[in-house]
Structures are given as structure tokens and as C-alpha cells.
């Protein structure tokens, strides 16, 4: 099945026309194809693949298992949340549950 096309007349500045003609000659394609390729590359970029980390964040967020920290930038402007490595350094290898139990005190 062929894609539907539309005829379009466009007025271009001479320097832009020259660049497009040079590009067409460089890639051995028609001027029309050079224009279509350039517009496609600029306006319809190929979506990049989602990384495993991004996929996991998206899935956890969708299930309500990941807190949204965007509110922090509104409440505490200029303060970045701690990274996982920073939190591990603060805990000095002690499990978080031990810190919570210690903080809670005796029952």
C-alpha cells in the first residue's frame, strides 16, 4: 500500500534552496526527496527505545509504588533529593529497618 502524498508549493530563501540542492546532490536523491527527508528527520524523529530503568520507573509509578518527588522542587527550590548512593553512605551499611527500630525506641 502506498502512502498518500500532497503537492505543496513553498517559497524558500535562496540560501536554503541552495543548501537543499547541495544535500540532494550529495545523497544522489531528488530535491523533493531531500526536502522530505530533512523535514521528516526534524519533525518526526524516530523514538528511542525505553531503557530498563525508565521502564521500571514507569511501571512502578503507574501502580502507585513509586512516589512522585516533583513536589520537592516546589517546596524546596534548589534542593536535589538524595541519590541512592548518598542514602547508602548515610546509613553506613546498616539496614534501614534497624535505624527505624532504633529511632522508635523500646516498646
PDB file of N, CA and C in Angstrom:
ATOM      1  N   UNK A   1       0.846  -1.176   0.000  1.00  0.00           N
ATOM      2  CA  UNK A   1       0.000   0.000   0.000  1.00  0.00           C
ATOM      3  C   UNK A   1       0.892   1.240   0.000  1.00  0.00           C
ATOM      4  N   UNK A   2       0.630   2.164  -0.897  1.00  0.00           N
ATOM      5  CA  UNK A   2       1.451   3.369  -0.979  1.00  0.00           C
ATOM      6  C   UNK A   2       0.886   4.452  -0.083  1.00  0.00           C
ATOM      7  N   UNK A   3       1.783   5.286   0.384  1.00  0.00           N
ATOM      8  CA  UNK A   3       1.408   6.370   1.269  1.00  0.00           C
ATOM      9  C   UNK A   3       0.826   7.528   0.459  1.00  0.00           C
ATOM     10  N   UNK A   4      -0.229   8.153   0.976  1.00  0.00           N
ATOM     11  CA  UNK A   4      -0.841   9.284   0.290  1.00  0.00           C
ATOM     12  C   UNK A   4       0.122  10.468   0.317  1.00  0.00           C
ATOM     13  N   UNK A   5       0.217  11.181  -0.794  1.00  0.00           N
ATOM     14  CA  UNK A   5       1.079  12.359  -0.853  1.00  0.00           C
ATOM     15  C   UNK A   5       0.245  13.588  -1.187  1.00  0.00           C
ATOM     16  N   UNK A   6       0.789  14.744  -0.870  1.00  0.00           N
ATOM     17  CA  UNK A   6       0.141  16.022  -1.120  1.00  0.00           C
ATOM     18  C   UNK A   6       1.131  16.917  -1.836  1.00  0.00           C
ATOM     19  N   UNK A   7       0.667  17.611  -2.849  1.00  0.00           N
ATOM     20  CA  UNK A   7       1.528  18.551  -3.561  1.00  0.00           C
ATOM     21  C   UNK A   7       1.494  19.878  -2.815  1.00  0.00           C
ATOM     22  N   UNK A   8       2.675  20.477  -2.634  1.00  0.00           N
ATOM     23  CA  UNK A   8       2.799  21.700  -1.863  1.00  0.00           C
ATOM     24  C   UNK A   8       3.781  22.634  -2.545  1.00  0.00           C
ATOM     25  N   UNK A   9       3.381  23.880  -2.701  1.00  0.00           N
ATOM     26  CA  UNK A   9       4.280  24.888  -3.256  1.00  0.00           C
ATOM     27  C   UNK A   9       4.765  25.747  -2.100  1.00  0.00           C
ATOM     28  N   UNK A  10       6.081  25.892  -1.976  1.00  0.00           N
ATOM     29  CA  UNK A  10       6.676  26.626  -0.857  1.00  0.00           C
ATOM     30  C   UNK A  10       7.668  27.641  -1.385  1.00  0.00           C
ATOM     31  N   UNK A  11       7.655  28.829  -0.810  1.00  0.00           N
ATOM     32  CA  UNK A  11       8.670  29.838  -1.139  1.00  0.00           C
ATOM     33  C   UNK A  11       9.801  29.715  -0.117  1.00  0.00           C
ATOM     34  N   UNK A  12      11.015  29.530  -0.615  1.00  0.00           N
ATOM     35  CA  UNK A  12      12.183  29.360   0.250  1.00  0.00           C
ATOM     36  C   UNK A  12      13.180  30.479   0.007  1.00  0.00           C
ATOM     37  N   UNK A  13      13.909  30.879   1.022  1.00  0.00           N
ATOM     38  CA  UNK A  13      15.025  31.802   0.800  1.00  0.00           C
ATOM     39  C   UNK A  13      16.056  31.108  -0.097  1.00  0.00           C
ATOM     40  N   UNK A  14      16.683  31.857  -0.964  1.00  0.00           N
ATOM     41  CA  UNK A  14      17.655  31.298  -1.905  1.00  0.00           C
ATOM     42  C   UNK A  14      18.762  30.495  -1.218  1.00  0.00           C
ATOM     43  N   UNK A  15      19.342  30.981  -0.100  1.00  0.00           N
ATOM     44  CA  UNK A  15      20.401  30.184   0.557  1.00  0.00           C
ATOM     45  C   UNK A  15      19.898  28.815   1.038  1.00  0.00           C
ATOM     46  N   UNK A  16      18.668  28.755   1.536  1.00  0.00           N
ATOM     47  CA  UNK A  16      18.115  27.476   1.980  1.00  0.00           C
ATOM     48  C   UNK A  16      17.898  26.546   0.788  1.00  0.00           C
ATOM     49  N   UNK A  17      17.407  27.084  -0.316  1.00  0.00           N
ATOM     50  CA  UNK A  17      17.211  26.305  -1.538  1.00  0.00           C
ATOM     51  C   UNK A  17      18.542  25.720  -2.014  1.00  0.00           C
ATOM     52  N   UNK A  18      19.586  26.547  -1.942  1.00  0.00           N
ATOM     53  CA  UNK A  18      20.919  26.107  -2.359  1.00  0.00           C
ATOM     54  C   UNK A  18      21.406  24.954  -1.468  1.00  0.00           C
ATOM     55  N   UNK A  19      21.213  25.088  -0.161  1.00  0.00           N
ATOM     56  CA  UNK A  19      21.644  24.032   0.767  1.00  0.00           C
ATOM     57  C   UNK A  19      20.892  22.733   0.486  1.00  0.00           C
ATOM     58  N   UNK A  20      19.599  22.834   0.245  1.00  0.00           N
ATOM     59  CA  UNK A  20      18.807  21.634  -0.046  1.00  0.00           C
ATOM     60  C   UNK A  20      19.242  20.988  -1.354  1.00  0.00           C
ATOM     61  N   UNK A  21      19.534  21.801  -2.373  1.00  0.00           N
ATOM     62  CA  UNK A  21      20.009  21.258  -3.647  1.00  0.00           C
ATOM     63  C   UNK A  21      21.352  20.552  -3.466  1.00  0.00           C
ATOM     64  N   UNK A  22      22.239  21.153  -2.656  1.00  0.00           N
ATOM     65  CA  UNK A  22      23.541  20.532  -2.392  1.00  0.00           C
ATOM     66  C   UNK A  22      23.365  19.202  -1.660  1.00  0.00           C
ATOM     67  N   UNK A  23      22.450  19.194  -0.712  1.00  0.00           N
ATOM     68  CA  UNK A  23      22.188  17.958   0.034  1.00  0.00           C
ATOM     69  C   UNK A  23      21.641  16.875  -0.902  1.00  0.00           C
ATOM     70  N   UNK A  24      20.732  17.261  -1.784  1.00  0.00           N
ATOM     71  CA  UNK A  24      20.167  16.307  -2.744  1.00  0.00           C
ATOM     72  C   UNK A  24      21.271  15.726  -3.624  1.00  0.00           C
ATOM     73  N   UNK A  25      22.165  16.586  -4.101  1.00  0.00           N
ATOM     74  CA  UNK A  25      23.261  16.118  -4.949  1.00  0.00           C
ATOM     75  C   UNK A  25      24.208  15.215  -4.154  1.00  0.00           C
ATOM     76  N   UNK A  26      24.485  15.599  -2.911  1.00  0.00           N
ATOM     77  CA  UNK A  26      25.398  14.820  -2.064  1.00  0.00           C
ATOM     78  C   UNK A  26      24.875  13.403  -1.841  1.00  0.00           C
ATOM     79  N   UNK A  27      23.565  13.271  -1.631  1.00  0.00           N
ATOM     80  CA  UNK A  27      22.977  11.957  -1.361  1.00  0.00           C
ATOM     81  C   UNK A  27      22.387  11.299  -2.611  1.00  0.00           C
ATOM     82  N   UNK A  28      22.563  11.968  -3.754  1.00  0.00           N
ATOM     83  CA  UNK A  28      22.089  11.437  -5.028  1.00  0.00           C
ATOM     84  C   UNK A  28      20.590  11.125  -5.004  1.00  0.00           C
ATOM     85  N   UNK A  29      19.817  12.103  -4.495  1.00  0.00           N
ATOM     86  CA  UNK A  29      18.358  11.991  -4.466  1.00  0.00           C
ATOM     87  C   UNK A  29      17.768  13.252  -5.084  1.00  0.00           C
ATOM     88  N   UNK A  30      16.474  13.218  -5.340  1.00  0.00           N
ATOM     89  CA  UNK A  30      15.815  14.397  -5.899  1.00  0.00           C
ATOM     90  C   UNK A  30      15.727  15.493  -4.845  1.00  0.00           C
ATOM     91  N   UNK A  31      15.525  16.704  -5.312  1.00  0.00           N
ATOM     92  CA  UNK A  31      15.343  17.833  -4.384  1.00  0.00           C
ATOM     93  C   UNK A  31      14.132  17.572  -3.499  1.00  0.00           C
ATOM     94  N   UNK A  32      13.069  17.055  -4.088  1.00  0.00           N
ATOM     95  CA  UNK A  32      11.863  16.735  -3.322  1.00  0.00           C
ATOM     96  C   UNK A  32      12.194  15.756  -2.196  1.00  0.00           C
ATOM     97  N   UNK A  33      12.956  14.696  -2.515  1.00  0.00           N
ATOM     98  CA  UNK A  33      13.297  13.688  -1.503  1.00  0.00           C
ATOM     99  C   UNK A  33      14.174  14.290  -0.408  1.00  0.00           C
ATOM    100  N   UNK A  34      15.076  15.181  -0.780  1.00  0.00           N
ATOM    101  CA  UNK A  34      15.932  15.842   0.213  1.00  0.00           C
ATOM    102  C   UNK A  34      15.088  16.677   1.168  1.00  0.00           C
ATOM    103  N   UNK A  35      14.094  17.379   0.636  1.00  0.00           N
ATOM    104  CA  UNK A  35      13.206  18.189   1.485  1.00  0.00           C
ATOM    105  C   UNK A  35      12.401  17.279   2.408  1.00  0.00           C
ATOM    106  N   UNK A  36      11.818  16.214   1.863  1.00  0.00           N
ATOM    107  CA  UNK A  36      11.015  15.281   2.664  1.00  0.00           C
ATOM    108  C   UNK A  36      11.872  14.636   3.758  1.00  0.00           C
ATOM    109  N   UNK A  37      13.075  14.182   3.407  1.00  0.00           N
ATOM    110  CA  UNK A  37      13.959  13.549   4.386  1.00  0.00           C
ATOM    111  C   UNK A  37      14.340  14.522   5.495  1.00  0.00           C
ATOM    112  N   UNK A  38      14.646  15.763   5.122  1.00  0.00           N
ATOM    113  CA  UNK A  38      15.046  16.767   6.107  1.00  0.00           C
ATOM    114  C   UNK A  38      13.893  17.091   7.049  1.00  0.00           C
ATOM    115  N   UNK A  39      12.709  17.292   6.486  1.00  0.00           N
ATOM    116  CA  UNK A  39      11.545  17.579   7.328  1.00  0.00           C
ATOM    117  C   UNK A  39      11.204  16.395   8.230  1.00  0.00           C
ATOM    118  N   UNK A  40      11.289  15.200   7.687  1.00  0.00           N
ATOM    119  CA  UNK A  40      10.987  14.008   8.480  1.00  0.00           C
ATOM    120  C   UNK A  40      11.962  13.862   9.641  1.00  0.00           C
ATOM    121  N   UNK A  41      13.233  14.063   9.357  1.00  0.00           N
ATOM    122  CA  UNK A  41      14.246  13.936  10.412  1.00  0.00           C
ATOM    123  C   UNK A  41      14.047  14.982  11.496  1.00  0.00           C
ATOM    124  N   UNK A  42      13.621  16.161  11.116  1.00  0.00           N
ATOM    125  CA  UNK A  42      13.468  17.250  12.091  1.00  0.00           C
ATOM    126  C   UNK A  42      12.140  17.184  12.834  1.00  0.00           C
ATOM    127  N   UNK A  43      11.070  16.858  12.137  1.00  0.00           N
ATOM    128  CA  UNK A  43       9.735  16.933  12.737  1.00  0.00           C
ATOM    129  C   UNK A  43       9.214  15.605  13.265  1.00  0.00           C
ATOM    130  N   UNK A  44       9.703  14.505  12.755  1.00  0.00           N
ATOM    131  CA  UNK A  44       9.218  13.196  13.186  1.00  0.00           C
ATOM    132  C   UNK A  44      10.398  12.298  13.523  1.00  0.00           C
ATOM    133  N   UNK A  45      11.165  12.653  14.572  1.00  0.00           N
ATOM    134  CA  UNK A  45      12.325  11.826  14.909  1.00  0.00           C
ATOM    135  C   UNK A  45      11.886  10.425  15.337  1.00  0.00           C
ATOM    136  N   UNK A  46      12.731   9.472  15.076  1.00  0.00           N
ATOM    137  CA  UNK A  46      12.466   8.093  15.466  1.00  0.00           C
ATOM    138  C   UNK A  46      12.544   8.008  16.987  1.00  0.00           C
ATOM    139  N   UNK A  47      11.491   7.496  17.623  1.00  0.00           N
ATOM    140  CA  UNK A  47      11.537   7.412  19.082  1.00  0.00           C
ATOM    141  C   UNK A  47      12.617   6.436  19.528  1.00  0.00           C
ATOM    142  N   UNK A  48      13.327   6.808  20.574  1.00  0.00           N
ATOM    143  CA  UNK A  48      14.376   5.927  21.076  1.00  0.00           C
ATOM    144  C   UNK A  48      13.747   4.854  21.967  1.00  0.00           C
ATOM    145  N   UNK A  49      14.433   3.772  22.099  1.00  0.00           N
ATOM    146  CA  UNK A  49      13.938   2.662  22.916  1.00  0.00           C
ATOM    147  C   UNK A  49      13.994   3.049  24.399  1.00  0.00           C
ATOM    148  N   UNK A  50      13.010   2.618  25.131  1.00  0.00           N
ATOM    149  CA  UNK A  50      12.949   2.874  26.563  1.00  0.00           C
ATOM    150  C   UNK A  50      13.972   1.988  27.266  1.00  0.00           C
ATOM    151  N   UNK A  51      14.755   2.584  28.178  1.00  0.00           N
ATOM    152  CA  UNK A  51      15.733   1.789  28.915  1.00  0.00           C
ATOM    153  C   UNK A  51      15.015   0.954  29.974  1.00  0.00           C
ATOM    154  N   UNK A  52      15.706  -0.045  30.487  1.00  0.00           N
ATOM    155  CA  UNK A  52      15.118  -0.882  31.541  1.00  0.00           C
ATOM    156  C   UNK A  52      14.775  -0.043  32.774  1.00  0.00           C
ATOM    157  N   UNK A  53      15.652   0.902  33.115  1.00  0.00           N
ATOM    158  CA  UNK A  53      15.415   1.764  34.271  1.00  0.00           C
ATOM    159  C   UNK A  53      14.161   2.614  34.059  1.00  0.00           C
ATOM    160  N   UNK A  54      14.023   3.200  32.859  1.00  0.00           N
ATOM    161  CA  UNK A  54      12.845   4.015  32.568  1.00  0.00           C
ATOM    162  C   UNK A  54      11.573   3.169  32.585  1.00  0.00           C
ATOM    163  N   UNK A  55      11.675   1.950  32.050  1.00  0.00           N
ATOM    164  CA  UNK A  55      10.520   1.048  32.034  1.00  0.00           C
ATOM    165  C   UNK A  55      10.089   0.701  33.458  1.00  0.00           C
ATOM    166  N   UNK A  56      11.050   0.403  34.310  1.00  0.00           N
ATOM    167  CA  UNK A  56      10.745   0.049  35.694  1.00  0.00           C
ATOM    168  C   UNK A  56      10.106   1.229  36.427  1.00  0.00           C
ATOM    169  N   UNK A  57      10.671   2.437  36.239  1.00  0.00           N
ATOM    170  CA  UNK A  57      10.094   3.642  36.872  1.00  0.00           C
ATOM    171  C   UNK A  57       8.655   3.864  36.409  1.00  0.00           C
ATOM    172  N   UNK A  58       8.432   3.716  35.091  1.00  0.00           N
ATOM    173  CA  UNK A  58       7.092   3.931  34.535  1.00  0.00           C
ATOM    174  C   UNK A  58       6.108   2.926  35.122  1.00  0.00           C
ATOM    175  N   UNK A  59       6.517   1.661  35.197  1.00  0.00           N
ATOM    176  CA  UNK A  59       5.627   0.620  35.709  1.00  0.00           C
ATOM    177  C   UNK A  59       5.330   0.814  37.201  1.00  0.00           C
ATOM    178  N   UNK A  60       6.363   1.127  37.981  1.00  0.00           N
ATOM    179  CA  UNK A  60       6.156   1.353  39.410  1.00  0.00           C
ATOM    180  C   UNK A  60       5.268   2.573  39.661  1.00  0.00           C
ATOM    181  N   UNK A  61       5.495   3.634  38.912  1.00  0.00           N
ATOM    182  CA  UNK A  61       4.699   4.841  39.057  1.00  0.00           C
ATOM    183  C   UNK A  61       3.242   4.584  38.691  1.00  0.00           C
ATOM    184  N   UNK A  62       3.021   3.820  37.612  1.00  0.00           N
ATOM    185  CA  UNK A  62       1.662   3.516  37.172  1.00  0.00           C
ATOM    186  C   UNK A  62       0.902   2.707  38.222  1.00  0.00           C
ATOM    187  N   UNK A  63       1.619   1.882  38.981  1.00  0.00           N
ATOM    188  CA  UNK A  63       0.978   1.052  40.000  1.00  0.00           C
ATOM    189  C   UNK A  63       0.944   1.732  41.375  1.00  0.00           C
ATOM    190  N   UNK A  64       1.382   2.992  41.420  1.00  0.00           N
ATOM    191  CA  UNK A  64       1.357   3.716  42.693  1.00  0.00           C
ATOM    192  C   UNK A  64       2.427   3.273  43.662  1.00  0.00           C
ATOM    193  N   UNK A  65       3.449   2.588  43.175  1.00  0.00           N
ATOM    194  CA  UNK A  65       4.516   2.075  44.047  1.00  0.00           C
ATOM    195  C   UNK A  65       5.723   3.002  44.085  1.00  0.00           C
ATOM    196  N   UNK A  66       5.691   4.076  43.305  1.00  0.00           N
ATOM    197  CA  UNK A  66       6.821   4.991  43.250  1.00  0.00           C
ATOM    198  C   UNK A  66       6.315   6.397  43.531  1.00  0.00           C
ATOM    199  N   UNK A  67       6.853   7.007  44.551  1.00  0.00           N
ATOM    200  CA  UNK A  67       6.422   8.349  44.925  1.00  0.00           C
ATOM    201  C   UNK A  67       6.896   9.368  43.895  1.00  0.00           C
ATOM    202  N   UNK A  68       6.063  10.363  43.656  1.00  0.00           N
ATOM    203  CA  UNK A  68       6.414  11.453  42.760  1.00  0.00           C
ATOM    204  C   UNK A  68       7.137  12.508  43.595  1.00  0.00           C
ATOM    205  N   UNK A  69       8.387  12.789  43.250  1.00  0.00           N
ATOM    206  CA  UNK A  69       9.179  13.747  44.035  1.00  0.00           C
ATOM    207  C   UNK A  69       9.188  15.140  43.422  1.00  0.00           C
ATOM    208  N   UNK A  70       8.352  15.392  42.413  1.00  0.00           N
ATOM    209  CA  UNK A  70       8.324  16.711  41.790  1.00  0.00           C
ATOM    210  C   UNK A  70       7.908  17.802  42.770  1.00  0.00           C
ATOM    211  N   UNK A  71       7.117  17.450  43.787  1.00  0.00           N
ATOM    212  CA  UNK A  71       6.677  18.438  44.760  1.00  0.00           C
ATOM    213  C   UNK A  71       7.859  19.028  45.518  1.00  0.00           C
ATOM    214  N   UNK A  72       8.934  18.282  45.637  1.00  0.00           N
ATOM    215  CA  UNK A  72      10.086  18.760  46.396  1.00  0.00           C
ATOM    216  C   UNK A  72      10.691  20.012  45.779  1.00  0.00           C
ATOM    217  N   UNK A  73      10.720  20.076  44.444  1.00  0.00           N
ATOM    218  CA  UNK A  73      11.315  21.241  43.802  1.00  0.00           C
ATOM    219  C   UNK A  73      10.478  22.492  44.020  1.00  0.00           C
ATOM    220  N   UNK A  74       9.183  22.321  44.258  1.00  0.00           N
ATOM    221  CA  UNK A  74       8.330  23.488  44.545  1.00  0.00           C
ATOM    222  C   UNK A  74       8.464  23.924  45.997  1.00  0.00           C
ATOM    223  N   UNK A  75       8.580  22.970  46.907  1.00  0.00           N
ATOM    224  CA  UNK A  75       8.664  23.286  48.337  1.00  0.00           C
ATOM    225  C   UNK A  75      10.080  23.696  48.725  1.00  0.00           C
ATOM    226  N   UNK A  76      11.064  23.001  48.172  1.00  0.00           N
ATOM    227  CA  UNK A  76      12.465  23.259  48.491  1.00  0.00           C
ATOM    228  C   UNK A  76      13.230  23.589  47.212  1.00  0.00           C
ATOM    229  N   UNK A  77      13.034  24.802  46.666  1.00  0.00           N
ATOM    230  CA  UNK A  77      13.707  25.118  45.402  1.00  0.00           C
ATOM    231  C   UNK A  77      15.228  25.049  45.541  1.00  0.00           C
ATOM    232  N   UNK A  78      15.852  24.449  44.556  1.00  0.00           N
ATOM    233  CA  UNK A  78      17.306  24.350  44.544  1.00  0.00           C
ATOM    234  C   UNK A  78      17.865  23.177  45.326  1.00  0.00           C
ATOM    235  N   UNK A  79      17.013  22.423  46.013  1.00  0.00           N
ATOM    236  CA  UNK A  79      17.477  21.273  46.794  1.00  0.00           C
ATOM    237  C   UNK A  79      17.149  20.002  46.014  1.00  0.00           C
ATOM    238  N   UNK A  80      18.176  19.239  45.702  1.00  0.00           N
ATOM    239  CA  UNK A  80      18.001  17.990  44.963  1.00  0.00           C
ATOM    240  C   UNK A  80      17.807  16.835  45.945  1.00  0.00           C
ATOM    241  N   UNK A  81      16.918  15.894  45.635  1.00  0.00           N
ATOM    242  CA  UNK A  81      16.774  14.727  46.508  1.00  0.00           C
ATOM    243  C   UNK A  81      18.060  13.908  46.519  1.00  0.00           C
ATOM    244  N   UNK A  82      18.291  13.213  47.604  1.00  0.00           N
ATOM    245  CA  UNK A  82      19.494  12.399  47.735  1.00  0.00           C
ATOM    246  C   UNK A  82      19.473  11.254  46.740  1.00  0.00           C
ATOM    247  N   UNK A  83      20.632  10.901  46.260  1.00  0.00           N
ATOM    248  CA  UNK A  83      20.743   9.737  45.381  1.00  0.00           C
ATOM    249  C   UNK A  83      20.774   8.482  46.242  1.00  0.00           C
ATOM    250  N   UNK A  84      20.584   7.344  45.618  1.00  0.00           N
ATOM    251  CA  UNK A  84      20.629   6.082  46.335  1.00  0.00           C
ATOM    252  C   UNK A  84      22.002   5.878  46.974  1.00  0.00           C
ATOM    253  N   UNK A  85      23.051   6.262  46.259  1.00  0.00           N
ATOM    254  CA  UNK A  85      24.408   6.117  46.796  1.00  0.00           C
ATOM    255  C   UNK A  85      24.600   6.991  48.043  1.00  0.00           C
ATOM    256  N   UNK A  86      24.066   8.220  48.012  1.00  0.00           N
ATOM    257  CA  UNK A  86      24.178   9.102  49.184  1.00  0.00           C
ATOM    258  C   UNK A  86      23.436   8.515  50.378  1.00  0.00           C
ATOM    259  N   UNK A  87      22.249   7.975  50.135  1.00  0.00           N
ATOM    260  CA  UNK A  87      21.472   7.379  51.227  1.00  0.00           C
ATOM    261  C   UNK A  87      22.210   6.181  51.817  1.00  0.00           C
ATOM    262  N   UNK A  88      22.804   5.364  50.964  1.00  0.00           N
ATOM    263  CA  UNK A  88      23.565   4.216  51.468  1.00  0.00           C
ATOM    264  C   UNK A  88      24.752   4.661  52.310  1.00  0.00           C
ATOM    265  N   UNK A  89      25.391   5.754  51.892  1.00  0.00           N
ATOM    266  CA  UNK A  89      26.527   6.284  52.659  1.00  0.00           C
ATOM    267  C   UNK A  89      26.066   6.764  54.036  1.00  0.00           C
ATOM    268  N   UNK A  90      24.914   7.442  54.074  1.00  0.00           N
ATOM    269  CA  UNK A  90      24.383   7.931  55.356  1.00  0.00           C
ATOM    270  C   UNK A  90      24.065   6.768  56.297  1.00  0.00           C
ATOM    271  N   UNK A  91      23.535   5.683  55.734  1.00  0.00           N
ATOM    272  CA  UNK A  91      23.150   4.537  56.556  1.00  0.00           C
ATOM    273  C   UNK A  91      24.348   3.691  56.969  1.00  0.00           C
ATOM    274  N   UNK A  92      25.504   3.914  56.337  1.00  0.00           N
ATOM    275  CA  UNK A  92      26.739   3.213  56.658  1.00  0.00           C
ATOM    276  C   UNK A  92      26.577   1.695  56.674  1.00  0.00           C
ATOM    277  N   UNK A  93      25.794   1.175  55.743  1.00  0.00           N
ATOM    278  CA  UNK A  93      25.647  -0.269  55.625  1.00  0.00           C
ATOM    279  C   UNK A  93      24.666  -0.893  56.593  1.00  0.00           C
ATOM    280  N   UNK A  94      24.110  -0.111  57.518  1.00  0.00           N
ATOM    281  CA  UNK A  94      23.134  -0.649  58.467  1.00  0.00           C
ATOM    282  C   UNK A  94      21.771  -0.667  57.771  1.00  0.00           C
ATOM    283  N   UNK A  95      21.035  -1.762  57.830  1.00  0.00           N
ATOM    284  CA  UNK A  95      19.725  -1.803  57.191  1.00  0.00           C
ATOM    285  C   UNK A  95      18.799  -0.705  57.714  1.00  0.00           C
ATOM    286  N   UNK A  96      18.013  -0.137  56.834  1.00  0.00           N
ATOM    287  CA  UNK A  96      17.096   0.940  57.205  1.00  0.00           C
ATOM    288  C   UNK A  96      16.151   0.500  58.320  1.00  0.00           C
ATOM    289  N   UNK A  97      15.730  -0.758  58.303  1.00  0.00           N
ATOM    290  CA  UNK A  97      14.820  -1.255  59.342  1.00  0.00           C
ATOM    291  C   UNK A  97      15.460  -1.144  60.723  1.00  0.00           C
ATOM    292  N   UNK A  98      16.776  -1.373  60.831  1.00  0.00           N
ATOM    293  CA  UNK A  98      17.457  -1.218  62.124  1.00  0.00           C
ATOM    294  C   UNK A  98      17.425   0.230  62.595  1.00  0.00           C
ATOM    295  N   UNK A  99      17.610   1.172  61.658  1.00  0.00           N
ATOM    296  CA  UNK A  99      17.550   2.589  62.012  1.00  0.00           C
ATOM    297  C   UNK A  99      16.149   2.966  62.498  1.00  0.00           C
ATOM    298  N   UNK A 100      15.138   2.438  61.844  1.00  0.00           N
ATOM    299  CA  UNK A 100      13.756   2.745  62.225  1.00  0.00           C
ATOM    300  C   UNK A 100      13.457   2.189  63.605  1.00  0.00           C
ATOM    301  N   UNK A 101      13.860   0.954  63.864  1.00  0.00           N
ATOM    302  CA  UNK A 101      13.635   0.332  65.170  1.00  0.00           C
ATOM    303  C   UNK A 101      14.368   1.105  66.250  1.00  0.00           C
ATOM    304  N   UNK A 102      15.608   1.499  65.986  1.00  0.00           N
ATOM    305  CA  UNK A 102      16.382   2.281  66.963  1.00  0.00           C
ATOM    306  C   UNK A 102      15.719   3.623  67.223  1.00  0.00           C
ATOM    307  N   UNK A 103      15.248   4.278  66.161  1.00  0.00           N
ATOM    308  CA  UNK A 103      14.623   5.590  66.291  1.00  0.00           C
ATOM    309  C   UNK A 103      13.306   5.490  67.057  1.00  0.00           C
ATOM    310  N   UNK A 104      12.584   4.385  66.882  1.00  0.00           N
ATOM    311  CA  UNK A 104      11.278   4.196  67.515  1.00  0.00           C
ATOM    312  C   UNK A 104      11.448   4.003  69.022  1.00  0.00           C
ATOM    313  N   UNK A 105      12.543   3.416  69.421  1.00  0.00           N
ATOM    314  CA  UNK A 105      12.794   3.205  70.843  1.00  0.00           C
ATOM    315  C   UNK A 105      12.130   1.930  71.368  1.00  0.00           C
ATOM    316  N   UNK A 106      12.319   1.658  72.661  1.00  0.00           N
ATOM    317  CA  UNK A 106      11.764   0.416  73.231  1.00  0.00           C
ATOM    318  C   UNK A 106      10.234   0.471  73.245  1.00  0.00           C
ATOM    319  N   UNK A 107       9.638  -0.684  73.163  1.00  0.00           N
ATOM    320  CA  UNK A 107       8.157  -0.769  73.178  1.00  0.00           C
ATOM    321  C   UNK A 107       7.648  -0.857  74.561  1.00  0.00           C
TER     322      UNK A 107
END
